[in-house]
Amino acid sequence: MKLPELLAPAGTLDAFKTAILYGADAIYAGLPGFSMRARAKINTDEVKQGIELAHAAGKKVYLAFNLFAHDHEYANMPRVADVIRYLQPDALIVSDPGIVMWVRENFPNMPIHISTQANICSAKTVKFWQNAGAKLCVLAREVSHNEFKNIRAECPDIGLEIFVHGAMCMSYSGRCLLSNFITGRPANRGACAQLCRWKYDVILREHDTGIEMPIDEDERGAYIMNSKDLCLMPRLAEVIESNPDSLKIEGRNRSEYYVGSVVHAYRCALDAYTRDPERFDPAPFMDDLNRLESRGYTTAFFDGPVPPSAHNYETTRSTSDYHAAGVITAVSDDDIIFELRNETRAGDEITFLLPNTMDRVSVMLPELINAKNGERLDKMAAGMGNSIMIPRAWLGNTHAEKFVPYVLAYKKKR
């Protein structure tokens, strides 16, 4: 069986490099200024560099152009066309029928992927977009696994993509109007204020009297719309067997640590399934994902309507005991330079997430050596490029060749 493509997000150039290192087959990024993640911290030249790096590594890059355009925005389309020609992506991800028509007229040979923002939930809708020239459809998160299998059977000759991991929106496939209505920040332009994570007081009113509905709150409020994060790792074998073309990881506004960790887990899991489908066990890969900071996990609509357990009504804080330690930025024969992502102290144990293997190399740091001046320290804060030097002798010889720039490490929270 052909494995589905593993599609990773990139909101920065470092995320491009991290996704490539940890085994993504393809990467999606925003067309700067014209996508659902307009606030992503990446400019046009960085996207161009990311695309060139991906192509050199044999990977594809898709550009998200999935805004819903107003008439006045079409005046900018000649400039957009110039940017697309400069970037040379492998496909455009779009959702607006008018934009689809514009792409077909101006880039007749450009593959079109229909975004999840188009809310595709049926085989008939897939066929509509196929007739409109789409090469692939990204199905809505609300599509169950049984519905997907039906769509696959009825639409065998078009690409189908599904989300397997990432944040869930409490609204329909991300089409939420709360942010725009209350704060003026449109979710469809990458500016969502995430009102589903805010504090709310629930009031039940009967006629002219006000009766408070009991609701438990902590010091930050109540979390009545706070979805757990999507994770289909526990059902990955079923996902693969249903024959999707692409598995999408959400997170263009996420850190490089998140991108690398999730890509690594799913890459290793997909490869393990290929080696022995009958004995595939998602548990080791799930252990990796549980070390990530998340709101807890849910399989969401996989089995049908979402159960109450898909929401975390108690807190938006991470359920993990671990967080990012840092990333390797330079290597030599004798040392590695490790840039910190959280405060680190002498005595902390950090564990490196090595590409293309589930093996781990952990090291207890007996002291911190400031990479800038060699000073020995008891602790060092993250930020401002703060980095430590780690002698290779502390790491041993296991997988020594895998300690390269952009390799990540995590540690337990204090």
Protein backbone atom coordinates (compact mmCIF):
# COMPACT_ATOMS: atom_id res chain seq x y z
CA MET A 1 0.00 0.00 0.00
CA LYS A 2 1.26 3.46 -0.90
CA LEU A 3 1.73 5.63 2.18
CA PRO A 4 -0.04 8.98 2.27
CA GLU A 5 2.02 12.13 2.05
CA LEU A 6 2.96 13.67 5.40
CA LEU A 7 2.26 17.40 5.12
CA ALA A 8 3.84 19.78 7.64
CA PRO A 9 3.19 23.46 8.40
CA ALA A 10 5.81 26.20 8.16
CA GLY A 11 5.23 29.67 9.53
CA THR A 12 8.95 30.48 9.61
CA LEU A 13 12.03 29.59 7.59
CA ASP A 14 13.33 27.60 10.57
CA ALA A 15 10.09 25.58 10.53
CA PHE A 16 10.75 24.77 6.86
CA LYS A 17 14.21 23.48 7.76
CA THR A 18 12.93 21.57 10.79
CA ALA A 19 10.12 19.89 8.84
CA ILE A 20 12.55 18.80 6.14
CA LEU A 21 15.01 17.41 8.70
CA TYR A 22 12.37 15.37 10.54
CA GLY A 23 10.89 13.73 7.45
CA ALA A 24 7.93 15.68 6.06
CA ASP A 25 7.07 14.76 2.46
CA ALA A 26 5.59 18.17 1.76
CA ILE A 27 5.28 21.55 3.45
CA TYR A 28 2.58 24.20 3.31
CA ALA A 29 3.16 27.87 3.95
CA GLY A 30 1.16 31.04 3.56
CA LEU A 31 1.32 33.26 0.52
CA PRO A 32 2.53 36.31 2.50
CA GLY A 33 -0.37 38.66 3.17
CA PHE A 34 -2.96 36.54 1.38
CA SER A 35 -3.78 33.48 3.46
CA MET A 36 -5.41 32.21 6.63
CA ARG A 37 -2.19 32.84 8.54
CA ALA A 38 -1.43 36.36 7.39
CA ARG A 39 0.37 37.00 10.69
CA ALA A 40 2.85 34.17 10.22
CA LYS A 41 6.41 35.40 10.72
CA ILE A 42 7.78 34.69 7.27
CA ASN A 43 8.33 37.01 4.32
CA THR A 44 8.35 36.37 0.59
CA ASP A 45 12.11 35.88 0.26
CA GLU A 46 12.14 33.45 3.19
CA VAL A 47 9.30 31.46 1.60
CA LYS A 48 11.35 31.39 -1.61
CA GLN A 49 14.38 30.08 0.29
CA GLY A 50 12.21 27.49 2.04
CA ILE A 51 10.80 26.29 -1.29
CA GLU A 52 14.29 25.98 -2.78
CA LEU A 53 15.50 24.00 0.24
CA ALA A 54 12.46 21.73 0.08
CA HIS A 55 12.85 21.12 -3.65
CA ALA A 56 16.55 20.34 -3.21
CA ALA A 57 15.51 17.71 -0.64
CA GLY A 58 12.88 16.23 -2.97
CA LYS A 59 9.93 17.72 -1.04
CA LYS A 60 6.92 19.65 -2.34
CA VAL A 61 5.62 23.00 -1.12
CA TYR A 62 2.03 24.20 -1.29
CA LEU A 63 1.09 27.85 -0.77
CA ALA A 64 -2.09 28.74 1.11
CA PHE A 65 -4.06 31.38 -0.78
CA ASN A 66 -7.27 30.56 1.06
CA LEU A 67 -8.74 33.93 1.91
CA PHE A 68 -12.27 34.85 0.87
CA ALA A 69 -11.63 37.86 -1.34
CA HIS A 70 -13.66 41.06 -1.54
CA ASP A 71 -14.02 42.88 -4.85
CA HIS A 72 -11.48 45.57 -3.96
CA GLU A 73 -8.82 42.93 -3.30
CA TYR A 74 -8.76 41.79 -6.90
CA ALA A 75 -6.95 45.03 -7.70
CA ASN A 76 -3.91 43.49 -5.95
CA MET A 77 -3.98 40.32 -8.04
CA PRO A 78 -1.32 41.40 -10.59
CA ARG A 79 1.12 41.76 -7.66
CA VAL A 80 0.01 38.38 -6.30
CA ALA A 81 0.64 36.83 -9.69
CA ASP A 82 4.18 38.19 -9.69
CA VAL A 83 4.80 36.71 -6.23
CA ILE A 84 3.50 33.28 -7.30
CA ARG A 85 5.74 33.31 -10.39
CA TYR A 86 8.71 34.24 -8.20
CA LEU A 87 8.03 31.54 -5.62
CA GLN A 88 7.22 28.64 -7.98
CA PRO A 89 5.17 26.51 -5.55
CA ASP A 90 3.96 23.01 -6.38
CA ALA A 91 0.30 23.90 -5.77
CA LEU A 92 -1.98 26.62 -4.43
CA ILE A 93 -4.43 25.96 -1.59
CA VAL A 94 -7.58 28.01 -2.22
CA SER A 95 -11.15 28.15 -0.94
CA ASP A 96 -12.91 31.02 -2.72
CA PRO A 97 -14.56 30.04 -6.06
CA GLY A 98 -13.56 33.44 -7.45
CA ILE A 99 -9.93 32.79 -6.56
CA VAL A 100 -10.17 29.32 -8.12
CA MET A 101 -11.35 30.94 -11.35
CA TRP A 102 -8.55 33.54 -11.15
CA VAL A 103 -5.91 30.82 -10.68
CA ARG A 104 -7.23 28.82 -13.62
CA GLU A 105 -7.16 31.90 -15.84
CA ASN A 106 -3.71 33.13 -14.79
CA PHE A 107 -1.93 29.87 -13.93
CA PRO A 108 -3.62 27.18 -16.04
CA ASN A 109 -0.95 24.59 -15.20
CA MET A 110 -0.88 25.26 -11.45
CA PRO A 111 -2.38 22.40 -9.36
CA ILE A 112 -5.27 23.62 -7.20
CA HIS A 113 -5.92 22.21 -3.72
CA ILE A 114 -9.26 23.15 -2.18
CA SER A 115 -8.83 24.31 1.43
CA THR A 116 -10.63 22.95 4.46
CA GLN A 117 -12.17 26.43 4.59
CA ALA A 118 -14.44 25.32 1.75
CA ASN A 119 -16.14 22.93 4.22
CA ILE A 120 -16.08 19.85 1.98
CA CYS A 121 -18.14 17.13 3.66
CA SER A 122 -19.49 14.98 0.82
CA ALA A 123 -18.56 13.11 -2.33
CA LYS A 124 -20.81 15.39 -4.38
CA THR A 125 -18.91 18.46 -3.18
CA VAL A 126 -15.61 16.78 -4.01
CA LYS A 127 -16.89 16.06 -7.52
CA PHE A 128 -18.01 19.68 -7.88
CA TRP A 129 -14.50 20.92 -7.12
CA GLN A 130 -12.97 18.24 -9.32
CA ASN A 131 -15.09 19.48 -12.22
CA ALA A 132 -13.90 23.01 -11.39
CA GLY A 133 -10.31 21.90 -11.91
CA ALA A 134 -9.14 20.89 -8.43
CA LYS A 135 -6.43 18.25 -8.12
CA LEU A 136 -6.96 17.67 -4.38
CA CYS A 137 -9.59 18.45 -1.74
CA VAL A 138 -8.82 19.04 1.93
CA LEU A 139 -11.85 17.61 3.72
CA ALA A 140 -13.53 19.38 6.60
CA ARG A 141 -12.53 18.24 10.06
CA GLU A 142 -16.18 17.37 10.66
CA VAL A 143 -16.02 14.42 8.23
CA SER A 144 -16.10 11.10 10.10
CA HIS A 145 -13.93 8.14 9.17
CA ASN A 146 -16.88 6.21 7.70
CA GLU A 147 -17.84 9.25 5.66
CA PHE A 148 -14.29 9.54 4.41
CA LYS A 149 -14.28 5.92 3.25
CA ASN A 150 -17.49 6.57 1.32
CA ILE A 151 -16.02 9.69 -0.27
CA ARG A 152 -12.87 7.77 -1.19
CA ALA A 153 -14.94 5.02 -2.85
CA GLU A 154 -17.00 7.50 -4.85
CA CYS A 155 -14.04 9.76 -5.73
CA PRO A 156 -11.14 7.44 -6.58
CA ASP A 157 -9.36 9.73 -9.04
CA ILE A 158 -8.82 12.94 -7.05
CA GLY A 159 -6.49 13.63 -4.15
CA LEU A 160 -8.05 13.65 -0.67
CA GLU A 161 -6.37 15.22 2.33
CA ILE A 162 -7.34 15.02 5.99
CA PHE A 163 -6.11 16.65 9.19
CA VAL A 164 -4.48 14.23 11.61
CA HIS A 165 -3.04 16.54 14.25
CA GLY A 166 -3.40 20.04 15.64
CA ALA A 167 -5.69 22.60 17.22
CA MET A 168 -9.43 22.23 16.78
CA CYS A 169 -11.69 25.21 16.18
CA MET A 170 -14.98 25.27 18.08
CA SER A 171 -16.61 26.60 14.91
CA TYR A 172 -17.19 24.79 11.64
CA SER A 173 -13.82 24.02 10.03
CA GLY A 174 -12.41 27.29 11.25
CA ARG A 175 -15.21 29.47 9.86
CA CYS A 176 -15.67 31.36 13.14
CA LEU A 177 -17.11 34.88 13.25
CA LEU A 178 -16.75 35.49 17.00
CA SER A 179 -13.33 37.10 16.72
CA ASN A 180 -14.34 39.48 13.94
CA PHE A 181 -17.63 40.39 15.63
CA ILE A 182 -16.22 41.10 19.11
CA THR A 183 -12.66 42.29 18.47
CA GLY A 184 -12.57 43.22 14.80
CA ARG A 185 -9.83 40.64 14.20
CA PRO A 186 -10.95 38.33 11.35
CA ALA A 187 -10.17 34.65 11.85
CA ASN A 188 -10.20 34.11 8.10
CA ARG A 189 -7.26 36.50 7.75
CA GLY A 190 -5.04 34.86 10.31
CA ALA A 191 -5.89 37.30 13.09
CA CYS A 192 -8.12 35.14 15.30
CA ALA A 193 -8.27 36.36 18.91
CA GLN A 194 -9.20 32.80 20.02
CA LEU A 195 -12.33 33.82 21.89
CA CYS A 196 -13.08 30.15 22.43
CA ARG A 197 -10.26 30.20 25.03
CA TRP A 198 -11.63 33.23 26.92
CA LYS A 199 -13.39 33.47 30.25
CA TYR A 200 -17.19 33.32 30.07
CA ASP A 201 -19.98 33.67 32.60
CA VAL A 202 -23.06 31.68 31.64
CA ILE A 203 -26.38 33.28 32.62
CA LEU A 204 -29.78 31.61 32.28
CA ARG A 205 -32.57 34.22 32.15
CA GLU A 206 -36.22 33.46 32.75
CA HIS A 207 -38.57 36.25 31.67
CA ASP A 208 -37.68 39.40 33.66
CA THR A 209 -35.60 37.72 36.35
CA GLY A 210 -31.98 36.74 36.09
CA ILE A 211 -30.98 33.32 37.37
CA GLU A 212 -27.32 32.39 37.40
CA MET A 213 -26.50 28.99 35.96
CA PRO A 214 -23.97 27.18 38.18
CA ILE A 215 -20.60 26.86 36.50
CA ASP A 216 -17.17 26.05 37.91
CA GLU A 217 -14.44 28.63 37.32
CA ASP A 218 -10.79 28.98 38.22
CA GLU A 219 -8.88 32.24 38.53
CA ARG A 220 -8.94 32.59 34.74
CA GLY A 221 -12.62 31.82 34.23
CA ALA A 222 -14.57 28.99 32.61
CA TYR A 223 -13.64 27.20 29.41
CA ILE A 224 -16.95 26.27 27.85
CA MET A 225 -15.70 26.23 24.23
CA ASN A 226 -12.17 24.93 24.77
CA SER A 227 -11.61 21.96 22.47
CA LYS A 228 -8.82 19.50 23.05
CA ASP A 229 -6.30 19.12 20.23
CA LEU A 230 -6.91 16.73 17.36
CA CYS A 231 -4.72 13.62 17.37
CA LEU A 232 -5.39 10.61 15.13
CA MET A 233 -2.23 8.72 16.09
CA PRO A 234 -4.26 6.12 18.06
CA ARG A 235 -6.25 5.39 14.88
CA LEU A 236 -3.44 5.83 12.37
CA ALA A 237 -3.63 2.28 11.00
CA GLU A 238 -7.31 2.79 10.12
CA VAL A 239 -6.48 6.15 8.58
CA ILE A 240 -3.77 4.67 6.35
CA GLU A 241 -5.95 1.73 5.31
CA SER A 242 -8.69 4.10 4.11
CA ASN A 243 -6.24 5.40 1.49
CA PRO A 244 -5.99 9.19 1.91
CA ASP A 245 -3.46 10.96 -0.27
CA SER A 246 -2.21 13.42 2.32
CA LEU A 247 -2.12 13.69 6.12
CA LYS A 248 -2.05 17.28 7.29
CA ILE A 249 -0.57 18.66 10.51
CA GLU A 250 -2.08 21.96 11.67
CA GLY A 251 0.22 24.68 12.97
CA ARG A 252 1.63 27.45 10.77
CA ASN A 253 1.73 29.70 13.83
CA ARG A 254 3.37 27.02 15.99
CA SER A 255 7.00 26.80 17.10
CA GLU A 256 9.71 24.86 15.31
CA TYR A 257 9.78 22.54 18.34
CA TYR A 258 6.11 21.69 17.80
CA VAL A 259 6.56 21.18 14.05
CA GLY A 260 9.62 18.96 14.45
CA SER A 261 8.15 16.89 17.27
CA VAL A 262 4.85 16.16 15.51
CA VAL A 263 6.46 15.47 12.14
CA HIS A 264 8.98 13.15 13.82
CA ALA A 265 6.26 11.14 15.59
CA TYR A 266 4.10 10.67 12.49
CA ARG A 267 7.07 10.01 10.20
CA CYS A 268 8.36 7.26 12.47
CA ALA A 269 4.84 5.86 12.87
CA LEU A 270 4.18 5.77 9.13
CA ASP A 271 7.50 4.04 8.51
CA ALA A 272 6.82 1.53 11.29
CA TYR A 273 3.44 0.72 9.76
CA THR A 274 5.13 0.13 6.39
CA ARG A 275 7.59 -2.32 7.91
CA ASP A 276 4.95 -4.40 9.71
CA PRO A 277 1.29 -3.37 9.30
CA GLU A 278 -0.03 -6.34 11.25
CA ARG A 279 1.98 -5.55 14.37
CA PHE A 280 1.79 -1.76 14.20
CA ASP A 281 1.45 -0.24 17.69
CA PRO A 282 0.85 3.53 17.98
CA ALA A 283 1.71 3.62 21.70
CA PRO A 284 5.42 4.56 21.43
CA PHE A 285 4.62 7.38 19.03
CA MET A 286 1.75 8.53 21.24
CA ASP A 287 4.21 8.74 24.12
CA ASP A 288 6.20 11.23 22.03
CA LEU A 289 3.16 13.37 21.34
CA ASN A 290 2.19 13.34 25.01
CA ARG A 291 5.46 15.13 25.78
CA LEU A 292 4.31 18.09 23.72
CA GLU A 293 2.50 20.94 25.40
CA SER A 294 -1.15 20.53 24.42
CA ARG A 295 -4.68 20.95 25.74
CA GLY A 296 -5.09 17.18 25.80
CA TYR A 297 -6.03 15.08 22.78
CA THR A 298 -9.19 13.96 21.05
CA THR A 299 -9.95 11.98 17.91
CA ALA A 300 -12.71 14.57 17.33
CA PHE A 301 -15.16 13.56 14.59
CA PHE A 302 -13.38 10.33 13.64
CA ASP A 303 -16.18 8.12 15.01
CA GLY A 304 -19.00 10.58 14.35
CA PRO A 305 -20.41 13.36 16.55
CA VAL A 306 -17.91 14.75 19.02
CA PRO A 307 -18.39 13.47 22.60
CA PRO A 308 -18.14 15.76 25.66
CA SER A 309 -14.68 14.32 26.35
CA ALA A 310 -13.41 16.20 23.28
CA HIS A 311 -13.50 19.43 25.29
CA ASN A 312 -11.49 20.49 28.30
CA TYR A 313 -13.86 22.50 30.46
CA GLU A 314 -11.38 22.99 33.29
CA THR A 315 -8.29 24.73 31.89
CA THR A 316 -6.43 25.80 28.77
CA ARG A 317 -3.09 24.98 30.33
CA SER A 318 -0.90 22.25 28.89
CA THR A 319 -1.44 18.71 30.10
CA SER A 320 2.22 17.76 29.53
CA ASP A 321 5.01 17.57 32.11
CA TYR A 322 7.58 18.41 29.43
CA HIS A 323 8.52 21.38 27.29
CA ALA A 324 11.13 22.43 24.75
CA ALA A 325 14.69 22.57 26.01
CA GLY A 326 16.22 24.05 22.88
CA VAL A 327 17.68 23.43 19.43
CA ILE A 328 21.14 22.71 18.04
CA THR A 329 22.38 25.70 16.03
CA ALA A 330 25.98 24.69 15.25
CA VAL A 331 28.26 21.67 15.54
CA SER A 332 31.97 20.92 15.55
CA ASP A 333 34.06 17.82 16.10
CA ASP A 334 34.28 18.58 19.82
CA ASP A 335 31.09 20.45 20.78
CA ILE A 336 27.56 21.34 19.85
CA ILE A 337 26.00 24.75 20.35
CA PHE A 338 22.54 24.51 21.87
CA GLU A 339 20.18 27.51 21.90
CA LEU A 340 17.80 27.48 24.86
CA ARG A 341 14.02 27.65 24.59
CA ASN A 342 13.31 27.52 28.34
CA GLU A 343 15.37 28.27 31.42
CA THR A 344 17.93 25.54 32.01
CA ARG A 345 19.88 24.73 35.15
CA ALA A 346 22.87 22.59 36.03
CA GLY A 347 21.55 19.12 36.79
CA ASP A 348 18.75 19.27 34.20
CA GLU A 349 18.41 16.29 31.88
CA ILE A 350 17.70 17.07 28.24
CA THR A 351 16.67 14.51 25.63
CA PHE A 352 17.45 14.91 21.95
CA LEU A 353 14.81 14.10 19.35
CA LEU A 354 16.92 12.51 16.61
CA PRO A 355 15.65 12.40 13.02
CA ASN A 356 14.70 9.08 11.41
CA THR A 357 14.89 7.05 14.60
CA MET A 358 12.92 6.50 17.77
CA ASP A 359 16.17 6.09 19.68
CA ARG A 360 16.85 8.79 22.26
CA VAL A 361 20.04 10.32 23.59
CA SER A 362 19.70 12.01 26.95
CA VAL A 363 22.34 13.96 28.82
CA MET A 364 22.41 15.35 32.34
CA LEU A 365 24.08 18.75 32.25
CA PRO A 366 26.57 18.85 35.16
CA GLU A 367 27.11 22.54 34.45
CA LEU A 368 26.17 25.12 31.84
CA ILE A 369 28.92 26.45 29.61
CA ASN A 370 28.04 29.82 28.07
CA ALA A 371 28.62 29.43 24.32
CA LYS A 372 29.61 33.09 23.96
CA ASN A 373 32.40 33.29 26.51
CA GLY A 374 32.94 29.83 28.06
CA GLU A 375 31.72 30.98 31.47
CA ARG A 376 30.48 28.19 33.77
CA LEU A 377 26.98 28.88 35.09
CA ASP A 378 24.43 27.29 37.38
CA LYS A 379 21.49 28.42 35.23
CA MET A 380 20.67 30.35 32.08
CA ALA A 381 17.45 31.94 30.88
CA ALA A 382 16.11 31.48 27.37
CA GLY A 383 15.81 34.29 24.85
CA MET A 384 18.23 36.74 23.23
CA GLY A 385 19.92 33.82 21.50
CA ASN A 386 21.19 32.47 24.82
CA SER A 387 23.13 29.28 24.07
CA ILE A 388 25.25 26.72 25.85
CA MET A 389 28.13 24.60 24.66
CA ILE A 390 27.74 20.84 25.15
CA PRO A 391 30.94 18.78 24.78
CA ARG A 392 30.40 15.75 22.56
CA ALA A 393 32.07 13.66 25.25
CA TRP A 394 28.95 14.19 27.38
CA LEU A 395 26.80 12.69 24.60
CA GLY A 396 28.67 9.46 23.93
CA ASN A 397 29.01 7.90 20.48
CA THR A 398 25.41 6.73 19.95
CA HIS A 399 24.01 8.29 16.76
CA ALA A 400 26.79 10.90 16.84
CA GLU A 401 26.18 11.67 13.15
CA LYS A 402 22.60 12.76 13.86
CA PHE A 403 23.59 15.72 16.03
CA VAL A 404 23.14 18.37 13.36
CA PRO A 405 21.64 21.88 13.25
CA TYR A 406 17.88 22.05 13.88
CA VAL A 407 17.84 18.91 16.01
CA LEU A 408 15.52 19.55 18.96
CA ALA A 409 15.58 18.54 22.61
CA TYR A 410 13.03 18.51 25.40
CA LYS A 411 13.19 18.42 29.18
CA LYS A 412 10.90 17.92 32.11
CA LYS A 413 9.31 21.00 33.61
CA ARG A 414 10.50 22.03 37.06
